[in-house]
Amino acid sequence: MLFTLVYPQIDPIALQLGPFAIRWYALAYITGLMLGWRIVKFLVARPPHALTELEVDDFLVWATMGVVLGGRLGYVLFYKPLYYLANPLEIPMVWQGGMSFHGGALGVICAIILFSRLRGRNLFQVGDVICCVVPIGLFFGRIANFVNGELFGRIAPDAALAMVFPHGGPFPRHPSQLYEAGLEGLALFTVMMLLWRFTSIRHRFGALSGVFLAGYGIARIIGELFRQPDPFLGFLWGGATMGQLLSIPLVVVGLTLVVWAWRRTAPSPQGPSPKTPKAA
């Protein structure tokens, strides 16, 4: 063993008021949604004006429902279907842990589809601007995983950042939550923001959505190389983890979407003008 960092013991409960507890995990979700909401309002003020500011406010509720319901149902169906089939009353108990990004992504996609249809907006145009800010939530979510000492990495006694996690046994492990926060969060957000600066890319509706899906899939596949698989699943087909297998379709769909968007004729750089909200 070359060097082992001390895992910072942080109480998963940020604030306790009698029986009422606010956890860092909940604050991570709230912070990600609030920051994403503010940045989306900044982005839609510029062409191609995917939404009005009022519509961004309305979509925040849709996004929240998509993340929570999709994330929980995704975990139930992808990771522990037999357990929850035998214990259906535990499905709504999100405070006990158990959320899936892939399920949350499907939930947000459904929210984007329904919201776009109801408001008469271009599906891919809305999807592009929302995908630009999703990495913010991923970053804070992974930081919350680290605070909780969960989803830790594989045993790595010689790794420079190896830590002994409270629930990971006596062996130093990769802090894979921090690796994923850097890849899925900071790196992917930087890429999305840099691409957004190019008008030619913004007006290829669907291109940014494709970059996000492929980028997240690749980042997750890499991150899973350092992360300890869930004990109730272990390694699956070909030594892959569930997270890697679920990410492969994202890469395929994302790259396909980028190619499809780029082959289409780009709309006028002026883009559609934002709708004027109807009076109540």
C-alpha atoms as a PDB file:
ATOM      1  CA  MET A   1       0.000   0.000   0.000  1.00  0.00           C
ATOM      2  CA  LEU A   2       1.484   3.336  -1.077  1.00  0.00           C
ATOM      3  CA  PHE A   3      -0.886   5.802   0.534  1.00  0.00           C
ATOM      4  CA  THR A   4      -4.439   5.799   1.843  1.00  0.00           C
ATOM      5  CA  LEU A   5      -6.563   8.902   2.277  1.00  0.00           C
ATOM      6  CA  VAL A   6      -8.824   9.235   5.291  1.00  0.00           C
ATOM      7  CA  TYR A   7     -12.488   9.101   4.336  1.00  0.00           C
ATOM      8  CA  PRO A   8     -14.189  12.220   5.740  1.00  0.00           C
ATOM      9  CA  GLN A   9     -16.933  11.085   8.099  1.00  0.00           C
ATOM     10  CA  ILE A  10     -19.866  13.303   7.126  1.00  0.00           C
ATOM     11  CA  ASP A  11     -23.289  12.834   8.663  1.00  0.00           C
ATOM     12  CA  PRO A  12     -25.709  11.998   5.811  1.00  0.00           C
ATOM     13  CA  ILE A  13     -28.283  14.168   7.614  1.00  0.00           C
ATOM     14  CA  ALA A  14     -27.564  17.833   6.937  1.00  0.00           C
ATOM     15  CA  LEU A  15     -30.182  19.188   9.343  1.00  0.00           C
ATOM     16  CA  GLN A  16     -32.254  17.511  12.057  1.00  0.00           C
ATOM     17  CA  LEU A  17     -35.311  19.248  13.523  1.00  0.00           C
ATOM     18  CA  GLY A  18     -36.936  16.762  15.880  1.00  0.00           C
ATOM     19  CA  PRO A  19     -38.331  13.911  13.773  1.00  0.00           C
ATOM     20  CA  PHE A  20     -37.813  15.950  10.582  1.00  0.00           C
ATOM     21  CA  ALA A  21     -34.489  15.300   8.843  1.00  0.00           C
ATOM     22  CA  ILE A  22     -33.025  16.945   5.737  1.00  0.00           C
ATOM     23  CA  ARG A  23     -30.456  14.709   4.058  1.00  0.00           C
ATOM     24  CA  TRP A  24     -27.585  15.763   1.850  1.00  0.00           C
ATOM     25  CA  TYR A  25     -28.997  13.470  -0.829  1.00  0.00           C
ATOM     26  CA  ALA A  26     -32.233  15.492  -0.955  1.00  0.00           C
ATOM     27  CA  LEU A  27     -30.271  18.755  -0.985  1.00  0.00           C
ATOM     28  CA  ALA A  28     -28.229  17.439  -3.924  1.00  0.00           C
ATOM     29  CA  TYR A  29     -31.404  16.870  -5.944  1.00  0.00           C
ATOM     30  CA  ILE A  30     -32.784  20.284  -5.003  1.00  0.00           C
ATOM     31  CA  THR A  31     -29.521  22.088  -5.784  1.00  0.00           C
ATOM     32  CA  GLY A  32     -29.172  20.344  -9.143  1.00  0.00           C
ATOM     33  CA  LEU A  33     -32.735  21.203 -10.150  1.00  0.00           C
ATOM     34  CA  MET A  34     -32.469  24.835  -9.012  1.00  0.00           C
ATOM     35  CA  LEU A  35     -29.139  25.498 -10.738  1.00  0.00           C
ATOM     36  CA  GLY A  36     -30.324  23.718 -13.870  1.00  0.00           C
ATOM     37  CA  TRP A  37     -33.502  25.830 -13.863  1.00  0.00           C
ATOM     38  CA  ARG A  38     -31.540  29.086 -13.656  1.00  0.00           C
ATOM     39  CA  ILE A  39     -29.099  28.116 -16.406  1.00  0.00           C
ATOM     40  CA  VAL A  40     -31.902  26.961 -18.720  1.00  0.00           C
ATOM     41  CA  LYS A  41     -33.525  30.393 -18.310  1.00  0.00           C
ATOM     42  CA  PHE A  42     -30.221  31.918 -19.405  1.00  0.00           C
ATOM     43  CA  LEU A  43     -29.934  29.594 -22.418  1.00  0.00           C
ATOM     44  CA  VAL A  44     -33.474  30.071 -23.742  1.00  0.00           C
ATOM     45  CA  ALA A  45     -32.950  33.829 -23.855  1.00  0.00           C
ATOM     46  CA  ARG A  46     -30.694  33.191 -26.858  1.00  0.00           C
ATOM     47  CA  PRO A  47     -31.563  31.733 -30.268  1.00  0.00           C
ATOM     48  CA  PRO A  48     -33.164  29.382 -31.081  1.00  0.00           C
ATOM     49  CA  HIS A  49     -35.380  30.226 -28.057  1.00  0.00           C
ATOM     50  CA  ALA A  50     -36.476  26.691 -27.215  1.00  0.00           C
ATOM     51  CA  LEU A  51     -38.862  27.892 -24.486  1.00  0.00           C
ATOM     52  CA  THR A  52     -40.096  31.072 -22.883  1.00  0.00           C
ATOM     53  CA  GLU A  53     -39.005  31.856 -19.334  1.00  0.00           C
ATOM     54  CA  LEU A  54     -42.522  31.112 -18.145  1.00  0.00           C
ATOM     55  CA  GLU A  55     -42.410  27.697 -19.814  1.00  0.00           C
ATOM     56  CA  VAL A  56     -39.067  26.997 -18.134  1.00  0.00           C
ATOM     57  CA  ASP A  57     -40.706  27.671 -14.772  1.00  0.00           C
ATOM     58  CA  ASP A  58     -43.527  25.274 -15.638  1.00  0.00           C
ATOM     59  CA  PHE A  59     -41.172  22.570 -16.872  1.00  0.00           C
ATOM     60  CA  LEU A  60     -39.283  22.544 -13.570  1.00  0.00           C
ATOM     61  CA  VAL A  61     -42.230  20.709 -12.001  1.00  0.00           C
ATOM     62  CA  TRP A  62     -42.327  18.214 -14.894  1.00  0.00           C
ATOM     63  CA  ALA A  63     -38.586  17.606 -14.631  1.00  0.00           C
ATOM     64  CA  THR A  64     -38.802  17.030 -10.875  1.00  0.00           C
ATOM     65  CA  MET A  65     -41.547  14.449 -11.308  1.00  0.00           C
ATOM     66  CA  GLY A  66     -39.655  12.762 -14.138  1.00  0.00           C
ATOM     67  CA  VAL A  67     -36.451  12.508 -12.109  1.00  0.00           C
ATOM     68  CA  VAL A  68     -38.076  11.197  -8.931  1.00  0.00           C
ATOM     69  CA  LEU A  69     -40.643   8.816 -10.440  1.00  0.00           C
ATOM     70  CA  GLY A  70     -38.419   7.630 -13.276  1.00  0.00           C
ATOM     71  CA  GLY A  71     -35.382   7.242 -11.045  1.00  0.00           C
ATOM     72  CA  ARG A  72     -37.268   5.175  -8.492  1.00  0.00           C
ATOM     73  CA  LEU A  73     -39.129   2.984 -10.979  1.00  0.00           C
ATOM     74  CA  GLY A  74     -35.913   2.472 -12.931  1.00  0.00           C
ATOM     75  CA  TYR A  75     -34.176   1.188  -9.812  1.00  0.00           C
ATOM     76  CA  VAL A  76     -37.109  -1.093  -9.029  1.00  0.00           C
ATOM     77  CA  LEU A  77     -37.271  -2.575 -12.549  1.00  0.00           C
ATOM     78  CA  PHE A  78     -33.571  -2.644 -13.480  1.00  0.00           C
ATOM     79  CA  TYR A  79     -31.933  -3.595 -10.197  1.00  0.00           C
ATOM     80  CA  LYS A  80     -34.331  -5.318  -7.771  1.00  0.00           C
ATOM     81  CA  PRO A  81     -37.486  -6.389  -9.626  1.00  0.00           C
ATOM     82  CA  LEU A  82     -37.973  -9.636  -7.693  1.00  0.00           C
ATOM     83  CA  TYR A  83     -37.460  -7.985  -4.316  1.00  0.00           C
ATOM     84  CA  TYR A  84     -39.996  -5.237  -4.964  1.00  0.00           C
ATOM     85  CA  LEU A  85     -42.407  -7.703  -6.537  1.00  0.00           C
ATOM     86  CA  ALA A  86     -42.414  -9.443  -3.161  1.00  0.00           C
ATOM     87  CA  ASN A  87     -42.445  -6.130  -1.243  1.00  0.00           C
ATOM     88  CA  PRO A  88     -44.529  -3.698  -3.335  1.00  0.00           C
ATOM     89  CA  LEU A  89     -45.288  -1.406  -0.393  1.00  0.00           C
ATOM     90  CA  GLU A  90     -41.598  -0.438  -0.278  1.00  0.00           C
ATOM     91  CA  ILE A  91     -41.589   0.932  -3.841  1.00  0.00           C
ATOM     92  CA  PRO A  92     -42.590   4.495  -2.804  1.00  0.00           C
ATOM     93  CA  MET A  93     -40.092   4.552   0.095  1.00  0.00           C
ATOM     94  CA  VAL A  94     -37.480   6.647  -1.721  1.00  0.00           C
ATOM     95  CA  TRP A  95     -36.014   7.820   1.602  1.00  0.00           C
ATOM     96  CA  GLN A  96     -34.583   4.318   2.040  1.00  0.00           C
ATOM     97  CA  GLY A  97     -32.372   4.862  -1.027  1.00  0.00           C
ATOM     98  CA  GLY A  98     -32.417   3.349  -4.462  1.00  0.00           C
ATOM     99  CA  MET A  99     -32.513   5.627  -7.521  1.00  0.00           C
ATOM    100  CA  SER A 100     -31.415   4.885 -11.074  1.00  0.00           C
ATOM    101  CA  PHE A 101     -30.056   7.503 -13.458  1.00  0.00           C
ATOM    102  CA  HIS A 102     -31.191   5.494 -16.470  1.00  0.00           C
ATOM    103  CA  GLY A 103     -34.714   5.402 -15.057  1.00  0.00           C
ATOM    104  CA  GLY A 104     -34.544   9.101 -14.233  1.00  0.00           C
ATOM    105  CA  ALA A 105     -33.397   9.807 -17.789  1.00  0.00           C
ATOM    106  CA  LEU A 106     -36.388   7.924 -19.184  1.00  0.00           C
ATOM    107  CA  GLY A 107     -38.644   9.863 -16.811  1.00  0.00           C
ATOM    108  CA  VAL A 108     -37.273  13.220 -17.992  1.00  0.00           C
ATOM    109  CA  ILE A 109     -37.495  12.134 -21.643  1.00  0.00           C
ATOM    110  CA  CYS A 110     -41.168  11.295 -21.116  1.00  0.00           C
ATOM    111  CA  ALA A 111     -41.646  14.693 -19.445  1.00  0.00           C
ATOM    112  CA  ILE A 112     -39.984  16.463 -22.397  1.00  0.00           C
ATOM    113  CA  ILE A 113     -42.140  14.589 -24.927  1.00  0.00           C
ATOM    114  CA  LEU A 114     -45.409  15.316 -23.131  1.00  0.00           C
ATOM    115  CA  PHE A 115     -44.520  18.922 -22.324  1.00  0.00           C
ATOM    116  CA  SER A 116     -43.406  19.641 -25.914  1.00  0.00           C
ATOM    117  CA  ARG A 117     -46.597  18.177 -27.358  1.00  0.00           C
ATOM    118  CA  LEU A 118     -48.828  20.109 -24.980  1.00  0.00           C
ATOM    119  CA  ARG A 119     -47.018  23.412 -25.609  1.00  0.00           C
ATOM    120  CA  GLY A 120     -46.527  22.896 -29.357  1.00  0.00           C
ATOM    121  CA  ARG A 121     -42.747  23.002 -29.059  1.00  0.00           C
ATOM    122  CA  ASN A 122     -40.072  21.195 -31.078  1.00  0.00           C
ATOM    123  CA  LEU A 123     -39.200  18.042 -29.114  1.00  0.00           C
ATOM    124  CA  PHE A 124     -35.511  18.006 -29.990  1.00  0.00           C
ATOM    125  CA  GLN A 125     -35.137  21.737 -29.511  1.00  0.00           C
ATOM    126  CA  VAL A 126     -36.438  21.433 -25.949  1.00  0.00           C
ATOM    127  CA  GLY A 127     -34.403  18.284 -25.345  1.00  0.00           C
ATOM    128  CA  ASP A 128     -31.185  20.017 -26.401  1.00  0.00           C
ATOM    129  CA  VAL A 129     -31.474  22.815 -23.874  1.00  0.00           C
ATOM    130  CA  ILE A 130     -32.485  20.483 -21.030  1.00  0.00           C
ATOM    131  CA  CYS A 131     -29.626  18.067 -21.767  1.00  0.00           C
ATOM    132  CA  CYS A 132     -27.141  20.926 -21.422  1.00  0.00           C
ATOM    133  CA  VAL A 133     -27.859  21.215 -17.695  1.00  0.00           C
ATOM    134  CA  VAL A 134     -28.452  17.576 -16.695  1.00  0.00           C
ATOM    135  CA  PRO A 135     -24.737  17.099 -15.815  1.00  0.00           C
ATOM    136  CA  ILE A 136     -25.195  19.588 -12.980  1.00  0.00           C
ATOM    137  CA  GLY A 137     -27.597  17.227 -11.250  1.00  0.00           C
ATOM    138  CA  LEU A 138     -25.306  14.282 -11.954  1.00  0.00           C
ATOM    139  CA  PHE A 139     -22.412  16.086 -10.288  1.00  0.00           C
ATOM    140  CA  PHE A 140     -24.292  16.845  -7.083  1.00  0.00           C
ATOM    141  CA  GLY A 141     -25.832  13.376  -7.040  1.00  0.00           C
ATOM    142  CA  ARG A 142     -22.406  11.727  -7.109  1.00  0.00           C
ATOM    143  CA  ILE A 143     -21.124  14.053  -4.397  1.00  0.00           C
ATOM    144  CA  ALA A 144     -24.095  12.962  -2.272  1.00  0.00           C
ATOM    145  CA  ASN A 145     -23.176   9.310  -2.936  1.00  0.00           C
ATOM    146  CA  PHE A 146     -19.692  10.085  -1.617  1.00  0.00           C
ATOM    147  CA  VAL A 147     -21.059  11.821   1.485  1.00  0.00           C
ATOM    148  CA  ASN A 148     -23.245   8.770   2.176  1.00  0.00           C
ATOM    149  CA  GLY A 149     -20.279   6.433   1.712  1.00  0.00           C
ATOM    150  CA  GLU A 150     -22.253   4.430  -0.872  1.00  0.00           C
ATOM    151  CA  LEU A 151     -21.533   3.196  -4.406  1.00  0.00           C
ATOM    152  CA  PHE A 152     -17.821   3.109  -3.583  1.00  0.00           C
ATOM    153  CA  GLY A 153     -15.138   1.723  -5.839  1.00  0.00           C
ATOM    154  CA  ARG A 154     -13.283  -1.515  -6.207  1.00  0.00           C
ATOM    155  CA  ILE A 155     -10.380  -2.496  -3.974  1.00  0.00           C
ATOM    156  CA  ALA A 156      -7.279  -0.550  -5.029  1.00  0.00           C
ATOM    157  CA  PRO A 157      -4.571  -0.514  -2.334  1.00  0.00           C
ATOM    158  CA  ASP A 158      -2.070   1.250  -4.605  1.00  0.00           C
ATOM    159  CA  ALA A 159      -4.392   3.921  -6.034  1.00  0.00           C
ATOM    160  CA  ALA A 160      -3.361   7.486  -5.267  1.00  0.00           C
ATOM    161  CA  LEU A 161      -6.831   8.426  -3.964  1.00  0.00           C
ATOM    162  CA  ALA A 162      -7.687   5.127  -2.258  1.00  0.00           C
ATOM    163  CA  MET A 163      -9.913   5.366   0.822  1.00  0.00           C
ATOM    164  CA  VAL A 164     -11.336   2.963   3.374  1.00  0.00           C
ATOM    165  CA  PHE A 165     -15.106   3.432   3.258  1.00  0.00           C
ATOM    166  CA  PRO A 166     -17.217   2.737   6.370  1.00  0.00           C
ATOM    167  CA  HIS A 167     -19.308   0.073   4.625  1.00  0.00           C
ATOM    168  CA  GLY A 168     -16.623  -1.196   2.272  1.00  0.00           C
ATOM    169  CA  GLY A 169     -14.606  -3.397   4.594  1.00  0.00           C
ATOM    170  CA  PRO A 170     -11.021  -2.817   5.744  1.00  0.00           C
ATOM    171  CA  PHE A 171      -9.494  -2.455   2.276  1.00  0.00           C
ATOM    172  CA  PRO A 172      -8.723   0.852   0.499  1.00  0.00           C
ATOM    173  CA  ARG A 173     -10.980   1.448  -2.483  1.00  0.00           C
ATOM    174  CA  HIS A 174     -11.312   3.832  -5.403  1.00  0.00           C
ATOM    175  CA  PRO A 175     -13.496   6.861  -4.545  1.00  0.00           C
ATOM    176  CA  SER A 176     -15.403   6.116  -7.732  1.00  0.00           C
ATOM    177  CA  GLN A 177     -18.170   8.552  -6.780  1.00  0.00           C
ATOM    178  CA  LEU A 178     -15.662  11.399  -7.231  1.00  0.00           C
ATOM    179  CA  TYR A 179     -14.436   9.953 -10.531  1.00  0.00           C
ATOM    180  CA  GLU A 180     -18.011   9.848 -11.787  1.00  0.00           C
ATOM    181  CA  ALA A 181     -18.742  13.352 -10.477  1.00  0.00           C
ATOM    182  CA  GLY A 182     -15.808  14.568 -12.550  1.00  0.00           C
ATOM    183  CA  LEU A 183     -16.675  12.618 -15.704  1.00  0.00           C
ATOM    184  CA  GLU A 184     -20.487  12.654 -15.746  1.00  0.00           C
ATOM    185  CA  GLY A 185     -20.737  16.043 -14.091  1.00  0.00           C
ATOM    186  CA  LEU A 186     -17.919  18.534 -14.603  1.00  0.00           C
ATOM    187  CA  ALA A 187     -16.429  17.173 -17.834  1.00  0.00           C
ATOM    188  CA  LEU A 188     -19.758  16.542 -19.568  1.00  0.00           C
ATOM    189  CA  PHE A 189     -21.170  19.924 -18.476  1.00  0.00           C
ATOM    190  CA  THR A 190     -18.069  21.645 -19.877  1.00  0.00           C
ATOM    191  CA  VAL A 191     -18.444  19.848 -23.207  1.00  0.00           C
ATOM    192  CA  MET A 192     -22.144  20.710 -23.456  1.00  0.00           C
ATOM    193  CA  MET A 193     -21.550  24.388 -22.663  1.00  0.00           C
ATOM    194  CA  LEU A 194     -18.693  24.656 -25.172  1.00  0.00           C
ATOM    195  CA  LEU A 195     -20.824  23.108 -27.921  1.00  0.00           C
ATOM    196  CA  TRP A 196     -23.752  25.354 -27.046  1.00  0.00           C
ATOM    197  CA  ARG A 197     -21.617  28.374 -27.939  1.00  0.00           C
ATOM    198  CA  PHE A 198     -21.657  27.325 -31.617  1.00  0.00           C
ATOM    199  CA  THR A 199     -24.772  28.624 -33.344  1.00  0.00           C
ATOM    200  CA  SER A 200     -24.456  26.007 -36.079  1.00  0.00           C
ATOM    201  CA  ILE A 201     -24.725  23.231 -33.474  1.00  0.00           C
ATOM    202  CA  ARG A 202     -27.604  24.832 -31.550  1.00  0.00           C
ATOM    203  CA  HIS A 203     -29.658  24.935 -34.734  1.00  0.00           C
ATOM    204  CA  ARG A 204     -29.079  21.267 -35.524  1.00  0.00           C
ATOM    205  CA  PHE A 205     -31.959  20.184 -33.311  1.00  0.00           C
ATOM    206  CA  GLY A 206     -31.186  16.879 -31.631  1.00  0.00           C
ATOM    207  CA  ALA A 207     -27.401  17.147 -31.939  1.00  0.00           C
ATOM    208  CA  LEU A 208     -26.821  18.333 -28.369  1.00  0.00           C
ATOM    209  CA  SER A 209     -29.226  15.719 -27.021  1.00  0.00           C
ATOM    210  CA  GLY A 210     -27.260  13.062 -28.879  1.00  0.00           C
ATOM    211  CA  VAL A 211     -23.938  14.361 -27.555  1.00  0.00           C
ATOM    212  CA  PHE A 212     -25.269  14.225 -24.012  1.00  0.00           C
ATOM    213  CA  LEU A 213     -26.637  10.672 -24.311  1.00  0.00           C
ATOM    214  CA  ALA A 214     -23.451   9.342 -25.905  1.00  0.00           C
ATOM    215  CA  GLY A 215     -21.240  11.365 -23.565  1.00  0.00           C
ATOM    216  CA  TYR A 216     -22.992  10.153 -20.449  1.00  0.00           C
ATOM    217  CA  GLY A 217     -22.962   6.554 -21.684  1.00  0.00           C
ATOM    218  CA  ILE A 218     -19.214   6.679 -22.309  1.00  0.00           C
ATOM    219  CA  ALA A 219     -18.509   8.420 -18.977  1.00  0.00           C
ATOM    220  CA  ARG A 220     -20.620   5.862 -17.092  1.00  0.00           C
ATOM    221  CA  ILE A 221     -18.952   2.908 -18.810  1.00  0.00           C
ATOM    222  CA  ILE A 222     -15.530   4.282 -17.848  1.00  0.00           C
ATOM    223  CA  GLY A 223     -16.594   5.097 -14.296  1.00  0.00           C
ATOM    224  CA  GLU A 224     -17.965   1.577 -13.806  1.00  0.00           C
ATOM    225  CA  LEU A 225     -14.459   0.192 -14.409  1.00  0.00           C
ATOM    226  CA  PHE A 226     -13.534   1.572 -10.978  1.00  0.00           C
ATOM    227  CA  ARG A 227     -16.860   1.125  -9.179  1.00  0.00           C
ATOM    228  CA  GLN A 228     -17.735  -1.916  -7.092  1.00  0.00           C
ATOM    229  CA  PRO A 229     -20.790  -3.639  -8.607  1.00  0.00           C
ATOM    230  CA  ASP A 230     -23.908  -3.872  -6.484  1.00  0.00           C
ATOM    231  CA  PRO A 231     -23.502  -6.947  -4.242  1.00  0.00           C
ATOM    232  CA  PHE A 232     -26.921  -8.334  -5.184  1.00  0.00           C
ATOM    233  CA  LEU A 233     -25.986  -8.212  -8.899  1.00  0.00           C
ATOM    234  CA  GLY A 234     -22.215  -8.548  -9.181  1.00  0.00           C
ATOM    235  CA  PHE A 235     -20.643  -8.834 -12.604  1.00  0.00           C
ATOM    236  CA  LEU A 236     -22.958  -9.788 -15.433  1.00  0.00           C
ATOM    237  CA  TRP A 237     -22.533 -10.815 -19.060  1.00  0.00           C
ATOM    238  CA  GLY A 238     -18.892 -10.674 -20.167  1.00  0.00           C
ATOM    239  CA  GLY A 239     -17.769  -9.237 -16.847  1.00  0.00           C
ATOM    240  CA  ALA A 240     -19.793  -6.057 -17.422  1.00  0.00           C
ATOM    241  CA  THR A 241     -21.841  -4.327 -14.729  1.00  0.00           C
ATOM    242  CA  MET A 242     -25.506  -3.402 -14.930  1.00  0.00           C
ATOM    243  CA  GLY A 243     -24.564   0.266 -15.286  1.00  0.00           C
ATOM    244  CA  GLN A 244     -22.383  -0.521 -18.309  1.00  0.00           C
ATOM    245  CA  LEU A 245     -24.996  -2.682 -19.999  1.00  0.00           C
ATOM    246  CA  LEU A 246     -27.655   0.000 -19.539  1.00  0.00           C
ATOM    247  CA  SER A 247     -25.277   2.649 -20.914  1.00  0.00           C
ATOM    248  CA  ILE A 248     -24.469   0.899 -24.190  1.00  0.00           C
ATOM    249  CA  PRO A 249     -27.908   1.722 -25.712  1.00  0.00           C
ATOM    250  CA  LEU A 250     -27.423   5.370 -24.676  1.00  0.00           C
ATOM    251  CA  VAL A 251     -24.182   5.553 -26.649  1.00  0.00           C
ATOM    252  CA  VAL A 252     -25.783   3.952 -29.713  1.00  0.00           C
ATOM    253  CA  VAL A 253     -28.890   6.151 -29.602  1.00  0.00           C
ATOM    254  CA  GLY A 254     -26.822   9.267 -28.904  1.00  0.00           C
ATOM    255  CA  LEU A 255     -24.439   8.765 -31.820  1.00  0.00           C
ATOM    256  CA  THR A 256     -27.358   7.934 -34.119  1.00  0.00           C
ATOM    257  CA  LEU A 257     -29.120  11.120 -33.063  1.00  0.00           C
ATOM    258  CA  VAL A 258     -26.023  13.232 -33.721  1.00  0.00           C
ATOM    259  CA  VAL A 259     -25.629  11.793 -37.237  1.00  0.00           C
ATOM    260  CA  TRP A 260     -29.349  12.214 -37.949  1.00  0.00           C
ATOM    261  CA  ALA A 261     -29.359  15.822 -36.726  1.00  0.00           C
ATOM    262  CA  TRP A 262     -26.245  16.727 -38.684  1.00  0.00           C
ATOM    263  CA  ARG A 263     -27.559  15.318 -41.961  1.00  0.00           C
ATOM    264  CA  ARG A 264     -30.722  17.390 -41.758  1.00  0.00           C
ATOM    265  CA  THR A 265     -30.781  20.874 -43.218  1.00  0.00           C
ATOM    266  CA  ALA A 266     -30.172  23.350 -40.433  1.00  0.00           C
ATOM    267  CA  PRO A 267     -33.045  25.777 -39.747  1.00  0.00           C
ATOM    268  CA  SER A 268     -32.627  29.496 -40.225  1.00  0.00           C
ATOM    269  CA  PRO A 269     -30.118  30.911 -37.699  1.00  0.00           C
ATOM    270  CA  GLN A 270     -32.874  33.208 -36.484  1.00  0.00           C
ATOM    271  CA  GLY A 271     -34.858  30.206 -35.231  1.00  0.00           C
ATOM    272  CA  PRO A 272     -38.507  30.352 -34.201  1.00  0.00           C
ATOM    273  CA  SER A 273     -39.474  33.265 -32.023  1.00  0.00           C
ATOM    274  CA  PRO A 274     -40.601  32.465 -28.486  1.00  0.00           C
ATOM    275  CA  LYS A 275     -44.303  32.112 -27.955  1.00  0.00           C
ATOM    276  CA  THR A 276     -46.226  34.786 -26.160  1.00  0.00           C
ATOM    277  CA  PRO A 277     -47.952  33.166 -23.180  1.00  0.00           C
ATOM    278  CA  LYS A 278     -51.722  33.390 -23.274  1.00  0.00           C
ATOM    279  CA  ALA A 279     -53.457  35.459 -20.687  1.00  0.00           C
ATOM    280  CA  ALA A 280     -55.104  33.487 -17.941  1.00  0.00           C
END
